[in-house]
Amino acid sequence: MAGSLVGVACMGRIRSTALGYGCADTAWGHGYATEAALGLLQWGFATLDLNRVHAEVDTRDVASTRVLEKLGSVLEGMMREDCIVNGEVSDSWVYGLIRWEWRIPSETVRTR
């Protein structure tokens, strides 16, 4: 995968923002989403002076849920029937992370 785009990661707004990420199917399971989200969280809390970051994830997406939990995000609730994934209406978990909760997990990002 060297030299090729494997996904995207983004953030918006100041002091409180949403975190998003996505990877090509061929990049799943390699830690890219965790690595990208970790980098954005580090940058967001240290450079942008964010106080809160939240993310929404399809309740059926176990891998994305694990990414958020590895990074210290806390399950805050569920939004019912808020998205359509592959033509099916689905619920989303809402995860949040507050600045004072933030710790860089030591086992999160592996060396390639």
Protein backbone atom coordinates (compact mmCIF):
# COMPACT_ATOMS: atom_id res chain seq x y z
CA MET A 1 0.00 0.00 0.00
CA ALA A 2 3.04 2.27 0.01
CA GLY A 3 2.38 5.45 -1.90
CA SER A 4 -1.37 4.93 -2.23
CA LEU A 5 -4.30 6.65 -0.56
CA VAL A 6 -5.92 4.27 1.93
CA GLY A 7 -8.60 6.54 3.45
CA VAL A 8 -9.57 9.89 4.88
CA ALA A 9 -9.77 11.56 8.30
CA CYS A 10 -11.24 14.96 9.19
CA MET A 11 -12.29 17.40 11.92
CA GLY A 12 -14.21 20.70 11.97
CA ARG A 13 -15.28 23.50 14.38
CA ILE A 14 -13.31 24.94 17.28
CA ARG A 15 -13.51 23.84 20.99
CA SER A 16 -15.92 20.99 20.15
CA THR A 17 -15.84 18.99 16.96
CA ALA A 18 -16.77 15.78 15.22
CA LEU A 19 -14.16 13.18 14.32
CA GLY A 20 -14.55 11.13 11.16
CA TYR A 21 -12.48 8.56 9.33
CA GLY A 22 -12.86 5.96 6.62
CA CYS A 23 -10.64 3.51 4.79
CA ALA A 24 -10.72 1.63 1.54
CA ASP A 25 -11.81 -1.99 1.99
CA THR A 26 -8.29 -3.14 1.16
CA ALA A 27 -6.93 -1.08 4.08
CA TRP A 28 -9.25 -2.52 6.75
CA GLY A 29 -7.60 -4.23 9.69
CA HIS A 30 -4.19 -2.57 9.30
CA GLY A 31 -4.57 0.10 12.00
CA TYR A 32 -4.83 3.04 9.59
CA ALA A 33 -8.10 4.38 11.07
CA THR A 34 -6.67 4.19 14.59
CA GLU A 35 -3.46 5.88 13.51
CA ALA A 36 -5.29 8.67 11.66
CA ALA A 37 -7.77 9.26 14.49
CA LEU A 38 -4.94 9.30 17.06
CA GLY A 39 -3.07 11.91 15.03
CA LEU A 40 -6.17 14.09 14.72
CA LEU A 41 -6.91 13.82 18.45
CA GLN A 42 -3.34 14.74 19.36
CA TRP A 43 -3.45 17.71 16.99
CA GLY A 44 -6.95 18.74 18.03
CA PHE A 45 -6.31 18.77 21.77
CA ALA A 46 -2.75 20.17 21.62
CA THR A 47 -2.89 22.62 18.71
CA LEU A 48 -6.55 23.56 18.26
CA ASP A 49 -7.19 23.67 22.02
CA LEU A 50 -10.33 21.54 21.64
CA ASN A 51 -12.30 20.67 24.75
CA ARG A 52 -14.46 17.89 23.28
CA VAL A 53 -14.42 15.53 20.30
CA HIS A 54 -17.33 13.28 19.40
CA ALA A 55 -17.89 10.61 16.78
CA GLU A 56 -20.87 8.68 15.46
CA VAL A 57 -20.57 5.08 14.31
CA ASP A 58 -23.03 2.57 12.87
CA THR A 59 -24.05 0.21 15.69
CA ARG A 60 -23.12 -2.73 13.44
CA ASP A 61 -19.58 -1.45 12.80
CA VAL A 62 -17.60 -3.33 15.46
CA ALA A 63 -14.20 -2.30 14.04
CA SER A 64 -14.93 1.45 14.17
CA THR A 65 -16.39 1.07 17.65
CA ARG A 66 -13.13 -0.59 18.72
CA VAL A 67 -11.08 2.27 17.21
CA LEU A 68 -12.98 4.82 19.30
CA GLU A 69 -12.75 2.75 22.47
CA LYS A 70 -9.00 2.16 22.03
CA LEU A 71 -8.56 5.92 21.86
CA GLY A 72 -10.45 6.45 25.12
CA SER A 73 -13.80 7.63 23.76
CA VAL A 74 -16.81 6.98 25.99
CA LEU A 75 -20.16 5.69 24.74
CA GLU A 76 -22.64 8.52 25.36
CA GLY A 77 -25.75 7.21 23.68
CA MET A 78 -27.49 6.05 20.54
CA MET A 79 -29.21 7.92 17.72
CA ARG A 80 -32.03 5.81 16.37
CA GLU A 81 -32.43 5.31 12.62
CA ASP A 82 -30.18 8.25 11.81
CA CYS A 83 -28.25 6.85 8.84
CA ILE A 84 -28.55 4.62 5.82
CA VAL A 85 -25.75 2.11 5.25
CA ASN A 86 -25.82 -0.09 2.15
CA GLY A 87 -29.48 0.81 1.63
CA GLU A 88 -30.54 -0.14 5.17
CA VAL A 89 -31.68 2.27 7.88
CA SER A 90 -29.41 1.93 10.89
CA ASP A 91 -28.79 3.32 14.36
CA SER A 92 -25.57 5.05 15.41
CA TRP A 93 -23.59 5.00 18.63
CA VAL A 94 -22.37 8.41 19.83
CA TYR A 95 -18.94 8.43 21.46
CA GLY A 96 -17.33 11.42 23.17
CA LEU A 97 -13.93 12.36 24.52
CA ILE A 98 -13.28 15.35 26.79
CA ARG A 99 -9.85 17.00 27.02
CA TRP A 100 -9.31 15.99 30.65
CA GLU A 101 -10.06 12.33 29.76
CA TRP A 102 -7.53 12.26 26.92
CA ARG A 103 -4.52 9.98 27.32
CA ILE A 104 -2.37 8.78 24.44
CA PRO A 105 -2.76 4.99 24.56
CA SER A 106 0.67 3.30 24.51
CA GLU A 107 -0.47 0.23 22.53
CA THR A 108 -2.60 2.09 19.98
CA VAL A 109 -0.26 2.63 17.03
CA ARG A 110 2.12 -0.05 15.91
CA THR A 111 5.35 0.50 14.00
CA ARG A 112 5.26 -0.68 10.41
